[in-house]
Amino acid sequence: VGQLYSQLPFSGMIFSSGAQIVIQSENVHFHAFPI
């Protein structure tokens, strides 16, 4: 996800179909695929 999106006024971002959730620049959830 490019820098352009981080400059927009989003309260948070949900990445990888929900595997990572960032709210107000704080990583509140991260679930990586088990190695």
ModelCIF file with pLDDT and N, C-alpha, C, O atoms, coordinates in Angstrom:
data_MODEL
#
_entry.id   MODEL 
#
_entity.id                         1 
_entity.type                       polymer 
_entity.pdbx_number_of_molecules   1 
#
_entity_poly.entity_id                      1 
_entity_poly.type                           'polypeptide(L)' 
_entity_poly.nstd_linkage                   no 
_entity_poly.nstd_monomer                   no 
_entity_poly.pdbx_seq_one_letter_code       VGQLYSQLPFSGMIFSSGAQIVIQSENVHFHAFPI 
_entity_poly.pdbx_seq_one_letter_code_can   VGQLYSQLPFSGMIFSSGAQIVIQSENVHFHAFPI 
_entity_poly.pdbx_strand_id                 A 
#
loop_
_entity_poly_seq.entity_id 
_entity_poly_seq.num 
_entity_poly_seq.mon_id 
_entity_poly_seq.hetero 
1 1  VAL n 
1 2  GLY n 
1 3  GLN n 
1 4  LEU n 
1 5  TYR n 
1 6  SER n 
1 7  GLN n 
1 8  LEU n 
1 9  PRO n 
1 10 PHE n 
1 11 SER n 
1 12 GLY n 
1 13 MET n 
1 14 ILE n 
1 15 PHE n 
1 16 SER n 
1 17 SER n 
1 18 GLY n 
1 19 ALA n 
1 20 GLN n 
1 21 ILE n 
1 22 VAL n 
1 23 ILE n 
1 24 GLN n 
1 25 SER n 
1 26 GLU n 
1 27 ASN n 
1 28 VAL n 
1 29 HIS n 
1 30 PHE n 
1 31 HIS n 
1 32 ALA n 
1 33 PHE n 
1 34 PRO n 
1 35 ILE n 
#
_struct_asym.id          A 
_struct_asym.entity_id   1 
#
loop_
_ma_qa_metric.id 
_ma_qa_metric.mode 
_ma_qa_metric.name 
_ma_qa_metric.software_group_id 
_ma_qa_metric.type 
1 global pLDDT . pLDDT 
2 local  pLDDT . pLDDT 
#
_ma_qa_metric_global.metric_id      1 
_ma_qa_metric_global.metric_value   91.03 
_ma_qa_metric_global.model_id       1 
_ma_qa_metric_global.ordinal_id     1 
#
loop_
_ma_qa_metric_local.label_asym_id 
_ma_qa_metric_local.label_comp_id 
_ma_qa_metric_local.label_seq_id 
_ma_qa_metric_local.metric_id 
_ma_qa_metric_local.metric_value 
_ma_qa_metric_local.model_id 
_ma_qa_metric_local.ordinal_id 
A VAL 1  2 88.00 1 1  
A GLY 2  2 78.00 1 2  
A GLN 3  2 80.00 1 3  
A LEU 4  2 79.00 1 4  
A TYR 5  2 85.00 1 5  
A SER 6  2 84.00 1 6  
A GLN 7  2 86.00 1 7  
A LEU 8  2 91.00 1 8  
A PRO 9  2 94.00 1 9  
A PHE 10 2 94.00 1 10 
A SER 11 2 94.00 1 11 
A GLY 12 2 94.00 1 12 
A MET 13 2 94.00 1 13 
A ILE 14 2 96.00 1 14 
A PHE 15 2 94.00 1 15 
A SER 16 2 94.00 1 16 
A SER 17 2 91.00 1 17 
A GLY 18 2 93.00 1 18 
A ALA 19 2 94.00 1 19 
A GLN 20 2 96.00 1 20 
A ILE 21 2 96.00 1 21 
A VAL 22 2 95.00 1 22 
A ILE 23 2 94.00 1 23 
A GLN 24 2 90.00 1 24 
A SER 25 2 86.00 1 25 
A GLU 26 2 93.00 1 26 
A ASN 27 2 94.00 1 27 
A VAL 28 2 96.00 1 28 
A HIS 29 2 96.00 1 29 
A PHE 30 2 95.00 1 30 
A HIS 31 2 93.00 1 31 
A ALA 32 2 88.00 1 32 
A PHE 33 2 85.00 1 33 
A PRO 34 2 92.00 1 34 
A ILE 35 2 94.00 1 35 
#
loop_
_atom_site.group_PDB 
_atom_site.id 
_atom_site.type_symbol 
_atom_site.label_atom_id 
_atom_site.label_alt_id 
_atom_site.label_comp_id 
_atom_site.label_asym_id 
_atom_site.label_entity_id 
_atom_site.label_seq_id 
_atom_site.pdbx_PDB_ins_code 
_atom_site.Cartn_x 
_atom_site.Cartn_y 
_atom_site.Cartn_z 
_atom_site.occupancy 
_atom_site.B_iso_or_equiv 
_atom_site.pdbx_formal_charge 
_atom_site.auth_seq_id 
_atom_site.auth_comp_id 
_atom_site.auth_asym_id 
_atom_site.auth_atom_id 
_atom_site.pdbx_PDB_model_num 
ATOM 1   N N  . VAL A 1 1  ? 0.864  -1.175  0.000  1.00 88.00 ? 1  VAL A N  1 
ATOM 2   C CA . VAL A 1 1  ? 0.000  0.000   0.000  1.00 88.00 ? 1  VAL A CA 1 
ATOM 3   C C  . VAL A 1 1  ? 0.901  1.227   0.000  1.00 88.00 ? 1  VAL A C  1 
ATOM 4   O O  . VAL A 1 1  ? 1.697  1.427   0.918  1.00 88.00 ? 1  VAL A O  1 
ATOM 5   N N  . GLY A 1 2  ? 0.771  2.029   -1.019 1.00 78.00 ? 2  GLY A N  1 
ATOM 6   C CA . GLY A 1 2  ? 1.652  3.183   -1.190 1.00 78.00 ? 2  GLY A CA 1 
ATOM 7   C C  . GLY A 1 2  ? 1.483  4.258   -0.140 1.00 78.00 ? 2  GLY A C  1 
ATOM 8   O O  . GLY A 1 2  ? 0.493  4.286   0.591  1.00 78.00 ? 2  GLY A O  1 
ATOM 9   N N  . GLN A 1 3  ? 2.454  5.134   -0.077 1.00 80.00 ? 3  GLN A N  1 
ATOM 10  C CA . GLN A 1 3  ? 2.457  6.251   0.869  1.00 80.00 ? 3  GLN A CA 1 
ATOM 11  C C  . GLN A 1 3  ? 1.266  7.180   0.667  1.00 80.00 ? 3  GLN A C  1 
ATOM 12  O O  . GLN A 1 3  ? 0.819  7.838   1.606  1.00 80.00 ? 3  GLN A O  1 
ATOM 13  N N  . LEU A 1 4  ? 0.757  7.231   -0.551 1.00 79.00 ? 4  LEU A N  1 
ATOM 14  C CA . LEU A 1 4  ? -0.372 8.106   -0.846 1.00 79.00 ? 4  LEU A CA 1 
ATOM 15  C C  . LEU A 1 4  ? -1.536 7.843   0.101  1.00 79.00 ? 4  LEU A C  1 
ATOM 16  O O  . LEU A 1 4  ? -2.193 8.781   0.553  1.00 79.00 ? 4  LEU A O  1 
ATOM 17  N N  . TYR A 1 5  ? -1.794 6.582   0.404  1.00 85.00 ? 5  TYR A N  1 
ATOM 18  C CA . TYR A 1 5  ? -2.931 6.229   1.245  1.00 85.00 ? 5  TYR A CA 1 
ATOM 19  C C  . TYR A 1 5  ? -2.713 6.624   2.701  1.00 85.00 ? 5  TYR A C  1 
ATOM 20  O O  . TYR A 1 5  ? -3.666 6.959   3.403  1.00 85.00 ? 5  TYR A O  1 
ATOM 21  N N  . SER A 1 6  ? -1.475 6.588   3.151  1.00 84.00 ? 6  SER A N  1 
ATOM 22  C CA . SER A 1 6  ? -1.203 6.973   4.542  1.00 84.00 ? 6  SER A CA 1 
ATOM 23  C C  . SER A 1 6  ? -1.358 8.475   4.742  1.00 84.00 ? 6  SER A C  1 
ATOM 24  O O  . SER A 1 6  ? -1.458 8.937   5.878  1.00 84.00 ? 6  SER A O  1 
ATOM 25  N N  . GLN A 1 7  ? -1.380 9.236   3.664  1.00 86.00 ? 7  GLN A N  1 
ATOM 26  C CA . GLN A 1 7  ? -1.562 10.686  3.767  1.00 86.00 ? 7  GLN A CA 1 
ATOM 27  C C  . GLN A 1 7  ? -3.034 11.083  3.780  1.00 86.00 ? 7  GLN A C  1 
ATOM 28  O O  . GLN A 1 7  ? -3.367 12.242  4.026  1.00 86.00 ? 7  GLN A O  1 
ATOM 29  N N  . LEU A 1 8  ? -3.914 10.121  3.515  1.00 91.00 ? 8  LEU A N  1 
ATOM 30  C CA . LEU A 1 8  ? -5.344 10.396  3.531  1.00 91.00 ? 8  LEU A CA 1 
ATOM 31  C C  . LEU A 1 8  ? -5.866 10.295  4.967  1.00 91.00 ? 8  LEU A C  1 
ATOM 32  O O  . LEU A 1 8  ? -5.252 9.622   5.795  1.00 91.00 ? 8  LEU A O  1 
ATOM 33  N N  . PRO A 1 9  ? -6.978 10.948  5.272  1.00 94.00 ? 9  PRO A N  1 
ATOM 34  C CA . PRO A 1 9  ? -7.444 11.020  6.665  1.00 94.00 ? 9  PRO A CA 1 
ATOM 35  C C  . PRO A 1 9  ? -8.183 9.769   7.156  1.00 94.00 ? 9  PRO A C  1 
ATOM 36  O O  . PRO A 1 9  ? -9.313 9.856   7.636  1.00 94.00 ? 9  PRO A O  1 
ATOM 37  N N  . PHE A 1 10 ? -7.541 8.623   7.032  1.00 94.00 ? 10 PHE A N  1 
ATOM 38  C CA . PHE A 1 10 ? -8.128 7.384   7.538  1.00 94.00 ? 10 PHE A CA 1 
ATOM 39  C C  . PHE A 1 10 ? -7.870 7.267   9.032  1.00 94.00 ? 10 PHE A C  1 
ATOM 40  O O  . PHE A 1 10 ? -6.798 7.635   9.514  1.00 94.00 ? 10 PHE A O  1 
ATOM 41  N N  . SER A 1 11 ? -8.851 6.756   9.762  1.00 94.00 ? 11 SER A N  1 
ATOM 42  C CA . SER A 1 11 ? -8.678 6.486   11.190 1.00 94.00 ? 11 SER A CA 1 
ATOM 43  C C  . SER A 1 11 ? -7.876 5.216   11.403 1.00 94.00 ? 11 SER A C  1 
ATOM 44  O O  . SER A 1 11 ? -7.263 5.023   12.453 1.00 94.00 ? 11 SER A O  1 
ATOM 45  N N  . GLY A 1 12 ? -7.883 4.359   10.405 1.00 94.00 ? 12 GLY A N  1 
ATOM 46  C CA . GLY A 1 12 ? -7.147 3.111   10.502 1.00 94.00 ? 12 GLY A CA 1 
ATOM 47  C C  . GLY A 1 12 ? -7.092 2.417   9.164  1.00 94.00 ? 12 GLY A C  1 
ATOM 48  O O  . GLY A 1 12 ? -7.715 2.842   8.191  1.00 94.00 ? 12 GLY A O  1 
ATOM 49  N N  . MET A 1 13 ? -6.327 1.332   9.136  1.00 94.00 ? 13 MET A N  1 
ATOM 50  C CA . MET A 1 13 ? -6.176 0.550   7.914  1.00 94.00 ? 13 MET A CA 1 
ATOM 51  C C  . MET A 1 13 ? -6.191 -0.929  8.265  1.00 94.00 ? 13 MET A C  1 
ATOM 52  O O  . MET A 1 13 ? -5.600 -1.361  9.255  1.00 94.00 ? 13 MET A O  1 
ATOM 53  N N  . ILE A 1 14 ? -6.875 -1.686  7.435  1.00 96.00 ? 14 ILE A N  1 
ATOM 54  C CA . ILE A 1 14 ? -6.943 -3.130  7.599  1.00 96.00 ? 14 ILE A CA 1 
ATOM 55  C C  . ILE A 1 14 ? -6.240 -3.731  6.392  1.00 96.00 ? 14 ILE A C  1 
ATOM 56  O O  . ILE A 1 14 ? -6.645 -3.512  5.251  1.00 96.00 ? 14 ILE A O  1 
ATOM 57  N N  . PHE A 1 15 ? -5.186 -4.490  6.655  1.00 94.00 ? 15 PHE A N  1 
ATOM 58  C CA . PHE A 1 15 ? -4.358 -5.065  5.595  1.00 94.00 ? 15 PHE A CA 1 
ATOM 59  C C  . PHE A 1 15 ? -4.517 -6.584  5.553  1.00 94.00 ? 15 PHE A C  1 
ATOM 60  O O  . PHE A 1 15 ? -5.015 -7.195  6.498  1.00 94.00 ? 15 PHE A O  1 
ATOM 61  N N  . SER A 1 16 ? -4.093 -7.167  4.464  1.00 94.00 ? 16 SER A N  1 
ATOM 62  C CA . SER A 1 16 ? -4.014 -8.624  4.307  1.00 94.00 ? 16 SER A CA 1 
ATOM 63  C C  . SER A 1 16 ? -5.321 -9.310  4.702  1.00 94.00 ? 16 SER A C  1 
ATOM 64  O O  . SER A 1 16 ? -5.322 -10.330 5.391  1.00 94.00 ? 16 SER A O  1 
ATOM 65  N N  . SER A 1 17 ? -6.422 -8.731  4.254  1.00 91.00 ? 17 SER A N  1 
ATOM 66  C CA . SER A 1 17 ? -7.761 -9.289  4.508  1.00 91.00 ? 17 SER A CA 1 
ATOM 67  C C  . SER A 1 17 ? -8.029 -9.494  5.999  1.00 91.00 ? 17 SER A C  1 
ATOM 68  O O  . SER A 1 17 ? -8.690 -10.453 6.395  1.00 91.00 ? 17 SER A O  1 
ATOM 69  N N  . GLY A 1 18 ? -7.515 -8.596  6.805  1.00 93.00 ? 18 GLY A N  1 
ATOM 70  C CA . GLY A 1 18 ? -7.776 -8.632  8.244  1.00 93.00 ? 18 GLY A CA 1 
ATOM 71  C C  . GLY A 1 18 ? -6.650 -9.190  9.086  1.00 93.00 ? 18 GLY A C  1 
ATOM 72  O O  . GLY A 1 18 ? -6.762 -9.215  10.312 1.00 93.00 ? 18 GLY A O  1 
ATOM 73  N N  . ALA A 1 19 ? -5.570 -9.639  8.472  1.00 94.00 ? 19 ALA A N  1 
ATOM 74  C CA . ALA A 1 19 ? -4.456 -10.198 9.243  1.00 94.00 ? 19 ALA A CA 1 
ATOM 75  C C  . ALA A 1 19 ? -3.679 -9.128  10.000 1.00 94.00 ? 19 ALA A C  1 
ATOM 76  O O  . ALA A 1 19 ? -2.994 -9.432  10.976 1.00 94.00 ? 19 ALA A O  1 
ATOM 77  N N  . GLN A 1 20 ? -3.783 -7.870  9.551  1.00 96.00 ? 20 GLN A N  1 
ATOM 78  C CA . GLN A 1 20 ? -3.116 -6.767  10.236 1.00 96.00 ? 20 GLN A CA 1 
ATOM 79  C C  . GLN A 1 20 ? -4.079 -5.582  10.297 1.00 96.00 ? 20 GLN A C  1 
ATOM 80  O O  . GLN A 1 20 ? -4.670 -5.187  9.292  1.00 96.00 ? 20 GLN A O  1 
ATOM 81  N N  . ILE A 1 21 ? -4.219 -5.029  11.496 1.00 96.00 ? 21 ILE A N  1 
ATOM 82  C CA . ILE A 1 21 ? -5.085 -3.871  11.682 1.00 96.00 ? 21 ILE A CA 1 
ATOM 83  C C  . ILE A 1 21 ? -4.286 -2.777  12.380 1.00 96.00 ? 21 ILE A C  1 
ATOM 84  O O  . ILE A 1 21 ? -3.675 -2.994  13.426 1.00 96.00 ? 21 ILE A O  1 
ATOM 85  N N  . VAL A 1 22 ? -4.309 -1.595  11.769 1.00 95.00 ? 22 VAL A N  1 
ATOM 86  C CA . VAL A 1 22 ? -3.615 -0.422  12.310 1.00 95.00 ? 22 VAL A CA 1 
ATOM 87  C C  . VAL A 1 22 ? -4.675 0.646   12.559 1.00 95.00 ? 22 VAL A C  1 
ATOM 88  O O  . VAL A 1 22 ? -5.432 1.009   11.659 1.00 95.00 ? 22 VAL A O  1 
ATOM 89  N N  . ILE A 1 23 ? -4.718 1.141   13.790 1.00 94.00 ? 23 ILE A N  1 
ATOM 90  C CA . ILE A 1 23 ? -5.647 2.215   14.139 1.00 94.00 ? 23 ILE A CA 1 
ATOM 91  C C  . ILE A 1 23 ? -4.843 3.363   14.720 1.00 94.00 ? 23 ILE A C  1 
ATOM 92  O O  . ILE A 1 23 ? -4.066 3.182   15.657 1.00 94.00 ? 23 ILE A O  1 
ATOM 93  N N  . GLN A 1 24 ? -5.041 4.556   14.148 1.00 90.00 ? 24 GLN A N  1 
ATOM 94  C CA . GLN A 1 24 ? -4.303 5.751   14.575 1.00 90.00 ? 24 GLN A CA 1 
ATOM 95  C C  . GLN A 1 24 ? -2.800 5.474   14.648 1.00 90.00 ? 24 GLN A C  1 
ATOM 96  O O  . GLN A 1 24 ? -2.145 5.822   15.630 1.00 90.00 ? 24 GLN A O  1 
ATOM 97  N N  . SER A 1 25 ? -2.266 4.851   13.611 1.00 86.00 ? 25 SER A N  1 
ATOM 98  C CA . SER A 1 25 ? -0.836 4.530   13.468 1.00 86.00 ? 25 SER A CA 1 
ATOM 99  C C  . SER A 1 25 ? -0.328 3.492   14.466 1.00 86.00 ? 25 SER A C  1 
ATOM 100 O O  . SER A 1 25 ? 0.879  3.271   14.558 1.00 86.00 ? 25 SER A O  1 
ATOM 101 N N  . GLU A 1 26 ? -1.229 2.853   15.214 1.00 93.00 ? 26 GLU A N  1 
ATOM 102 C CA . GLU A 1 26 ? -0.817 1.817   16.171 1.00 93.00 ? 26 GLU A CA 1 
ATOM 103 C C  . GLU A 1 26 ? -1.248 0.456   15.651 1.00 93.00 ? 26 GLU A C  1 
ATOM 104 O O  . GLU A 1 26 ? -2.411 0.249   15.304 1.00 93.00 ? 26 GLU A O  1 
ATOM 105 N N  . ASN A 1 27 ? -0.295 -0.471  15.603 1.00 94.00 ? 27 ASN A N  1 
ATOM 106 C CA . ASN A 1 27 ? -0.575 -1.826  15.156 1.00 94.00 ? 27 ASN A CA 1 
ATOM 107 C C  . ASN A 1 27 ? -1.346 -2.545  16.271 1.00 94.00 ? 27 ASN A C  1 
ATOM 108 O O  . ASN A 1 27 ? -0.756 -2.912  17.287 1.00 94.00 ? 27 ASN A O  1 
ATOM 109 N N  . VAL A 1 28 ? -2.658 -2.749  16.090 1.00 96.00 ? 28 VAL A N  1 
ATOM 110 C CA . VAL A 1 28 ? -3.483 -3.340  17.149 1.00 96.00 ? 28 VAL A CA 1 
ATOM 111 C C  . VAL A 1 28 ? -3.740 -4.827  16.937 1.00 96.00 ? 28 VAL A C  1 
ATOM 112 O O  . VAL A 1 28 ? -4.178 -5.516  17.858 1.00 96.00 ? 28 VAL A O  1 
ATOM 113 N N  . HIS A 1 29 ? -3.471 -5.329  15.732 1.00 96.00 ? 29 HIS A N  1 
ATOM 114 C CA . HIS A 1 29 ? -3.654 -6.757  15.469 1.00 96.00 ? 29 HIS A CA 1 
ATOM 115 C C  . HIS A 1 29 ? -2.706 -7.170  14.355 1.00 96.00 ? 29 HIS A C  1 
ATOM 116 O O  . HIS A 1 29 ? -2.598 -6.494  13.332 1.00 96.00 ? 29 HIS A O  1 
ATOM 117 N N  . PHE A 1 30 ? -2.021 -8.290  14.565 1.00 95.00 ? 30 PHE A N  1 
ATOM 118 C CA . PHE A 1 30 ? -1.167 -8.840  13.518 1.00 95.00 ? 30 PHE A CA 1 
ATOM 119 C C  . PHE A 1 30 ? -1.149 -10.348 13.678 1.00 95.00 ? 30 PHE A C  1 
ATOM 120 O O  . PHE A 1 30 ? -0.790 -10.870 14.733 1.00 95.00 ? 30 PHE A O  1 
ATOM 121 N N  . HIS A 1 31 ? -1.533 -11.030 12.635 1.00 93.00 ? 31 HIS A N  1 
ATOM 122 C CA . HIS A 1 31 ? -1.527 -12.492 12.662 1.00 93.00 ? 31 HIS A CA 1 
ATOM 123 C C  . HIS A 1 31 ? -0.844 -12.985 11.389 1.00 93.00 ? 31 HIS A C  1 
ATOM 124 O O  . HIS A 1 31 ? -1.440 -13.003 10.312 1.00 93.00 ? 31 HIS A O  1 
ATOM 125 N N  . ALA A 1 32 ? 0.393  -13.375 11.535 1.00 88.00 ? 32 ALA A N  1 
ATOM 126 C CA . ALA A 1 32 ? 1.169  -13.862 10.387 1.00 88.00 ? 32 ALA A CA 1 
ATOM 127 C C  . ALA A 1 32 ? 0.857  -15.329 10.131 1.00 88.00 ? 32 ALA A C  1 
ATOM 128 O O  . ALA A 1 32 ? 0.471  -16.072 11.034 1.00 88.00 ? 32 ALA A O  1 
ATOM 129 N N  . PHE A 1 33 ? 1.034  -15.722 8.882  1.00 85.00 ? 33 PHE A N  1 
ATOM 130 C CA . PHE A 1 33 ? 0.870  -17.120 8.493  1.00 85.00 ? 33 PHE A CA 1 
ATOM 131 C C  . PHE A 1 33 ? 1.965  -17.913 9.194  1.00 85.00 ? 33 PHE A C  1 
ATOM 132 O O  . PHE A 1 33 ? 3.137  -17.559 9.062  1.00 85.00 ? 33 PHE A O  1 
ATOM 133 N N  . PRO A 1 34 ? 1.634  -18.974 9.937  1.00 92.00 ? 34 PRO A N  1 
ATOM 134 C CA . PRO A 1 34 ? 2.671  -19.750 10.650 1.00 92.00 ? 34 PRO A CA 1 
ATOM 135 C C  . PRO A 1 34 ? 3.708  -20.297 9.678  1.00 92.00 ? 34 PRO A C  1 
ATOM 136 O O  . PRO A 1 34 ? 3.356  -20.854 8.638  1.00 92.00 ? 34 PRO A O  1 
ATOM 137 N N  . ILE A 1 35 ? 4.973  -20.141 10.011 1.00 94.00 ? 35 ILE A N  1 
ATOM 138 C CA . ILE A 1 35 ? 6.060  -20.534 9.113  1.00 94.00 ? 35 ILE A CA 1 
ATOM 139 C C  . ILE A 1 35 ? 6.004  -22.017 8.761  1.00 94.00 ? 35 ILE A C  1 
ATOM 140 O O  . ILE A 1 35 ? 6.851  -22.506 8.014  1.00 94.00 ? 35 ILE A O  1 
#
